[in-house]
């Protein structure tokens, strides 16, 4: 299947871009909270639900061009149970070097973290106990990545923060593509899985086809505009750097 710019108005001249968004924000910097996020549901639910522009959406699948596919990153959160407004304490973009990006260490033992500190102020990620299995206790540092999908007819992409349990299907799909991700049309669904303590929702993905070269070139530009916005910063985290859920 090959589709064109007509199908994806956001990729046409005058379509959505970071310049348009910034203009509508009064000249402010585009941040993660200005984007449309779709949360992976809890409890094995197999429908996507999100809100945009005051409208509610509920879909079995999200299908479109993968305009953004960030690398996997690792975040060490200060609390075992997530809290609204909390921020990562440490972050690594490669699983090797860690950076302190937050102030609140919460339930973390900072002495074992500081023991892994490098002379330049970064951290040896694998030397921090929270980043690996210790005495059958799973690591608290969780990997994730962001996928941005532009659906046909939409003027803005939707973004999915991929959880650790769904990384393998995404990784497998991206590794199998014979075109850049921004030329691939992919269908993302949800599958109910039984966990040790509760059911959970696993992200599924299926390659559908490609867009033409012109559409792909426009999608590549959009990728360059939006990827820096959703990629985790290694500087001090601000409220705008946190996904709003």
Protein backbone atom coordinates (compact mmCIF):
# COMPACT_ATOMS: atom_id res chain seq x y z
CA UNK A 1 0.00 0.00 0.00
CA UNK A 2 1.27 3.46 -0.83
CA UNK A 3 -0.49 6.65 0.24
CA UNK A 4 0.09 10.30 -0.50
CA UNK A 5 0.18 13.78 0.98
CA UNK A 6 -3.55 14.11 0.37
CA UNK A 7 -4.16 11.36 2.94
CA UNK A 8 -1.93 13.07 5.53
CA UNK A 9 -2.81 16.78 5.64
CA UNK A 10 -0.29 17.41 8.41
CA UNK A 11 2.48 16.67 5.92
CA UNK A 12 1.29 19.11 3.28
CA UNK A 13 2.65 22.64 2.96
CA UNK A 14 0.92 24.65 5.67
CA UNK A 15 0.11 21.54 7.67
CA UNK A 16 0.98 21.05 11.33
CA UNK A 17 4.60 21.67 12.32
CA UNK A 18 6.42 22.89 15.38
CA UNK A 19 6.30 26.44 13.97
CA UNK A 20 2.50 26.27 13.77
CA UNK A 21 2.24 24.93 17.31
CA UNK A 22 4.61 27.56 18.68
CA UNK A 23 2.67 30.31 16.93
CA UNK A 24 -0.53 29.06 18.53
CA UNK A 25 1.22 28.99 21.91
CA UNK A 26 2.04 32.68 21.59
CA UNK A 27 5.67 32.05 20.71
CA UNK A 28 6.39 29.70 23.61
CA UNK A 29 8.54 26.58 23.40
CA UNK A 30 6.77 23.40 22.33
CA UNK A 31 6.87 20.84 25.17
CA UNK A 32 5.64 17.32 25.78
CA UNK A 33 2.49 18.56 27.49
CA UNK A 34 1.47 20.37 24.29
CA UNK A 35 1.31 17.07 22.40
CA UNK A 36 -1.50 14.50 22.27
CA UNK A 37 -0.64 11.46 24.39
CA UNK A 38 -2.33 8.07 24.37
CA UNK A 39 -1.84 6.01 27.50
CA UNK A 40 -1.49 2.23 27.43
CA UNK A 41 -4.58 1.15 29.41
CA UNK A 42 -4.47 -0.90 32.59
CA UNK A 43 -6.09 -4.23 33.38
CA UNK A 44 -5.88 -5.80 29.96
CA UNK A 45 -8.18 -3.31 28.23
CA UNK A 46 -7.91 -3.70 24.45
CA UNK A 47 -9.11 -0.28 23.24
CA UNK A 48 -7.13 2.93 22.98
CA UNK A 49 -8.69 6.02 24.55
CA UNK A 50 -7.48 9.62 24.45
CA UNK A 51 -8.63 13.22 24.40
CA UNK A 52 -7.71 15.93 21.91
CA UNK A 53 -9.21 19.36 21.49
CA UNK A 54 -11.93 18.56 24.00
CA UNK A 55 -13.02 15.50 22.00
CA UNK A 56 -12.93 11.92 23.27
CA UNK A 57 -11.54 9.16 21.06
CA UNK A 58 -11.81 5.39 21.47
CA UNK A 59 -10.31 3.07 18.86
CA UNK A 60 -9.46 -0.61 18.55
CA UNK A 61 -6.32 0.24 16.57
CA UNK A 62 -4.18 3.28 15.89
CA UNK A 63 -2.91 3.13 12.32
CA UNK A 64 -0.67 5.64 10.58
CA UNK A 65 2.81 6.79 9.65
CA UNK A 66 5.39 6.34 12.41
CA UNK A 67 6.65 9.93 12.36
CA UNK A 68 8.59 9.53 15.63
CA UNK A 69 10.40 6.52 17.09
CA UNK A 70 12.82 7.50 19.84
CA UNK A 71 15.60 5.31 21.13
CA UNK A 72 15.01 3.39 24.34
CA UNK A 73 15.82 5.33 27.48
CA UNK A 74 15.95 4.38 31.16
CA UNK A 75 14.41 6.31 34.03
CA UNK A 76 14.94 5.73 37.74
CA UNK A 77 11.87 7.03 39.55
CA UNK A 78 12.02 8.03 43.23
CA UNK A 79 8.97 6.01 44.32
CA UNK A 80 7.97 2.38 43.77
CA UNK A 81 4.37 3.46 43.25
CA UNK A 82 4.07 6.32 40.78
CA UNK A 83 2.85 9.65 42.12
CA UNK A 84 1.22 12.46 40.18
CA UNK A 85 3.75 15.11 39.27
CA UNK A 86 6.78 13.03 40.25
CA UNK A 87 9.90 13.25 38.09
CA UNK A 88 12.75 10.81 37.42
CA UNK A 89 15.73 11.11 39.70
CA UNK A 90 18.20 9.61 37.22
CA UNK A 91 18.05 9.02 33.47
CA UNK A 92 20.20 7.15 30.97
CA UNK A 93 19.82 7.37 27.21
CA UNK A 94 22.00 4.33 26.53
CA UNK A 95 21.98 2.14 29.66
CA UNK A 96 25.64 2.98 30.23
CA UNK A 97 25.91 6.58 31.43
CA UNK A 98 23.37 8.04 33.86
CA UNK A 99 22.52 11.64 34.59
CA UNK A 100 20.84 13.17 37.61
CA UNK A 101 17.80 15.01 36.32
CA UNK A 102 15.65 15.41 39.44
CA UNK A 103 15.85 16.68 43.00
CA UNK A 104 13.51 14.35 44.86
CA UNK A 105 15.23 11.04 45.69
CA UNK A 106 12.09 9.78 47.44
CA UNK A 107 12.50 6.18 48.62
CA UNK A 108 15.89 5.73 46.95
CA UNK A 109 19.07 5.15 48.96
CA UNK A 110 21.27 7.93 47.59
CA UNK A 111 24.41 6.45 49.17
CA UNK A 112 24.43 3.50 46.72
CA UNK A 113 23.70 5.87 43.86
CA UNK A 114 26.53 8.25 44.77
CA UNK A 115 28.91 5.28 45.05
CA UNK A 116 28.48 4.85 41.28
CA UNK A 117 29.27 8.48 40.48
CA UNK A 118 31.92 9.18 37.84
CA UNK A 119 34.54 11.95 38.18
CA UNK A 120 32.66 14.06 35.61
CA UNK A 121 29.46 14.00 37.65
CA UNK A 122 27.66 11.36 35.58
CA UNK A 123 26.87 7.88 36.91
CA UNK A 124 27.99 4.40 35.89
CA UNK A 125 24.49 3.11 35.21
CA UNK A 126 25.14 -0.62 35.60
CA UNK A 127 26.90 -0.09 38.94
CA UNK A 128 23.72 1.31 40.51
CA UNK A 129 21.82 -1.53 42.24
CA UNK A 130 18.45 -0.11 41.17
CA UNK A 131 19.30 -0.70 37.50
CA UNK A 132 19.64 -4.50 37.74
CA UNK A 133 18.20 -7.57 39.43
CA UNK A 134 19.42 -7.89 43.04
CA UNK A 135 18.43 -10.89 45.20
CA UNK A 136 15.44 -11.63 42.92
CA UNK A 137 14.25 -8.02 43.21
CA UNK A 138 13.62 -6.55 39.75
CA UNK A 139 15.28 -3.28 38.76
CA UNK A 140 13.46 -0.07 39.64
CA UNK A 141 14.94 1.70 36.61
CA UNK A 142 12.49 1.13 33.77
CA UNK A 143 13.17 1.33 30.04
CA UNK A 144 10.72 3.05 27.71
CA UNK A 145 10.51 4.74 24.32
CA UNK A 146 8.09 7.04 22.51
CA UNK A 147 6.24 6.25 19.29
CA UNK A 148 4.49 9.05 17.39
CA UNK A 149 1.78 8.00 14.92
CA UNK A 150 0.16 10.28 12.35
CA UNK A 151 -3.20 8.83 11.38
CA UNK A 152 -4.68 9.42 7.95
CA UNK A 153 -6.74 12.62 7.97
CA UNK A 154 -5.32 13.89 11.29
CA UNK A 155 -3.55 17.23 11.52
CA UNK A 156 -1.41 16.19 14.50
CA UNK A 157 0.22 12.90 15.49
CA UNK A 158 -0.61 11.02 18.68
CA UNK A 159 2.18 9.81 20.97
CA UNK A 160 2.42 6.55 22.91
CA UNK A 161 4.87 6.06 25.76
CA UNK A 162 5.83 2.41 25.32
CA UNK A 163 6.09 0.53 28.62
CA UNK A 164 8.74 -2.14 29.37
CA UNK A 165 6.37 -5.04 28.67
CA UNK A 166 5.68 -3.76 25.15
CA UNK A 167 9.22 -2.87 24.09
CA UNK A 168 9.99 -6.21 22.41
CA UNK A 169 7.16 -6.07 19.85
CA UNK A 170 8.09 -2.48 18.95
CA UNK A 171 11.78 -3.32 18.71
CA UNK A 172 11.04 -6.34 16.54
CA UNK A 173 8.86 -4.35 14.18
CA UNK A 174 11.34 -1.49 13.74
CA UNK A 175 14.21 -3.91 13.16
CA UNK A 176 12.23 -5.72 10.47
CA UNK A 177 11.32 -2.65 8.39
CA UNK A 178 12.99 -2.27 5.01
CA UNK A 179 12.16 1.45 4.89
CA UNK A 180 12.80 4.26 7.42
CA UNK A 181 10.12 4.30 10.12
CA UNK A 182 8.81 7.65 8.85
CA UNK A 183 7.81 5.94 5.58
CA UNK A 184 6.12 3.00 7.28
CA UNK A 185 2.39 2.73 7.93
CA UNK A 186 1.85 0.61 11.04
CA UNK A 187 -1.22 -0.61 12.92
CA UNK A 188 -0.90 -0.54 16.72
CA UNK A 189 -3.35 -2.61 18.75
CA UNK A 190 -3.70 -3.99 22.27
CA UNK A 191 -3.77 -7.56 23.52
CA UNK A 192 -4.87 -8.77 26.94
CA UNK A 193 -2.17 -10.66 28.82
CA UNK A 194 -2.23 -12.42 32.18
CA UNK A 195 0.38 -11.16 34.62
CA UNK A 196 1.47 -12.66 37.93
CA UNK A 197 -0.78 -10.34 39.92
CA UNK A 198 -3.11 -8.78 37.34
CA UNK A 199 -3.95 -8.67 33.66
CA UNK A 200 -2.13 -6.09 31.55
CA UNK A 201 -2.34 -4.69 28.03
CA UNK A 202 0.41 -5.54 25.56
CA UNK A 203 0.97 -3.28 22.56
CA UNK A 204 0.83 -5.18 19.27
CA UNK A 205 2.07 -3.80 15.97
CA UNK A 206 1.62 -4.82 12.35
CA UNK A 207 3.30 -3.38 9.28
CA UNK A 208 0.62 -2.26 6.82
CA UNK A 209 2.54 -0.56 4.00
CA UNK A 210 4.56 2.48 2.99
CA UNK A 211 3.90 6.05 1.93
CA UNK A 212 5.32 7.52 -1.27
CA UNK A 213 8.69 9.26 -1.34
CA UNK A 214 7.27 12.80 -1.15
CA UNK A 215 5.12 11.96 1.86
CA UNK A 216 8.07 10.19 3.47
CA UNK A 217 10.28 13.23 2.99
CA UNK A 218 7.67 15.43 4.69
CA UNK A 219 7.34 12.89 7.52
CA UNK A 220 11.13 12.92 7.97
CA UNK A 221 11.01 16.70 8.47
CA UNK A 222 8.24 16.31 11.06
CA UNK A 223 10.33 13.63 12.78
CA UNK A 224 13.21 16.07 13.04
CA UNK A 225 10.94 18.70 14.56
CA UNK A 226 9.20 16.51 17.13
CA UNK A 227 11.81 13.93 18.18
CA UNK A 228 13.79 16.42 20.33
CA UNK A 229 10.56 17.38 22.11
CA UNK A 230 9.75 13.83 23.24
CA UNK A 231 13.30 12.56 23.83
CA UNK A 232 14.19 12.65 27.51
CA UNK A 233 16.45 15.50 28.53
CA UNK A 234 19.67 14.78 30.40
CA UNK A 235 19.60 18.22 31.99
CA UNK A 236 17.59 19.08 35.07
CA UNK A 237 13.98 17.98 34.59
CA UNK A 238 11.28 20.63 34.55
CA UNK A 239 7.55 20.12 34.87
CA UNK A 240 7.20 20.45 31.08
CA UNK A 241 9.52 17.45 30.54
CA UNK A 242 7.14 15.04 32.25
CA UNK A 243 4.39 13.22 30.39
CA UNK A 244 1.09 14.46 31.89
CA UNK A 245 -0.21 11.15 33.28
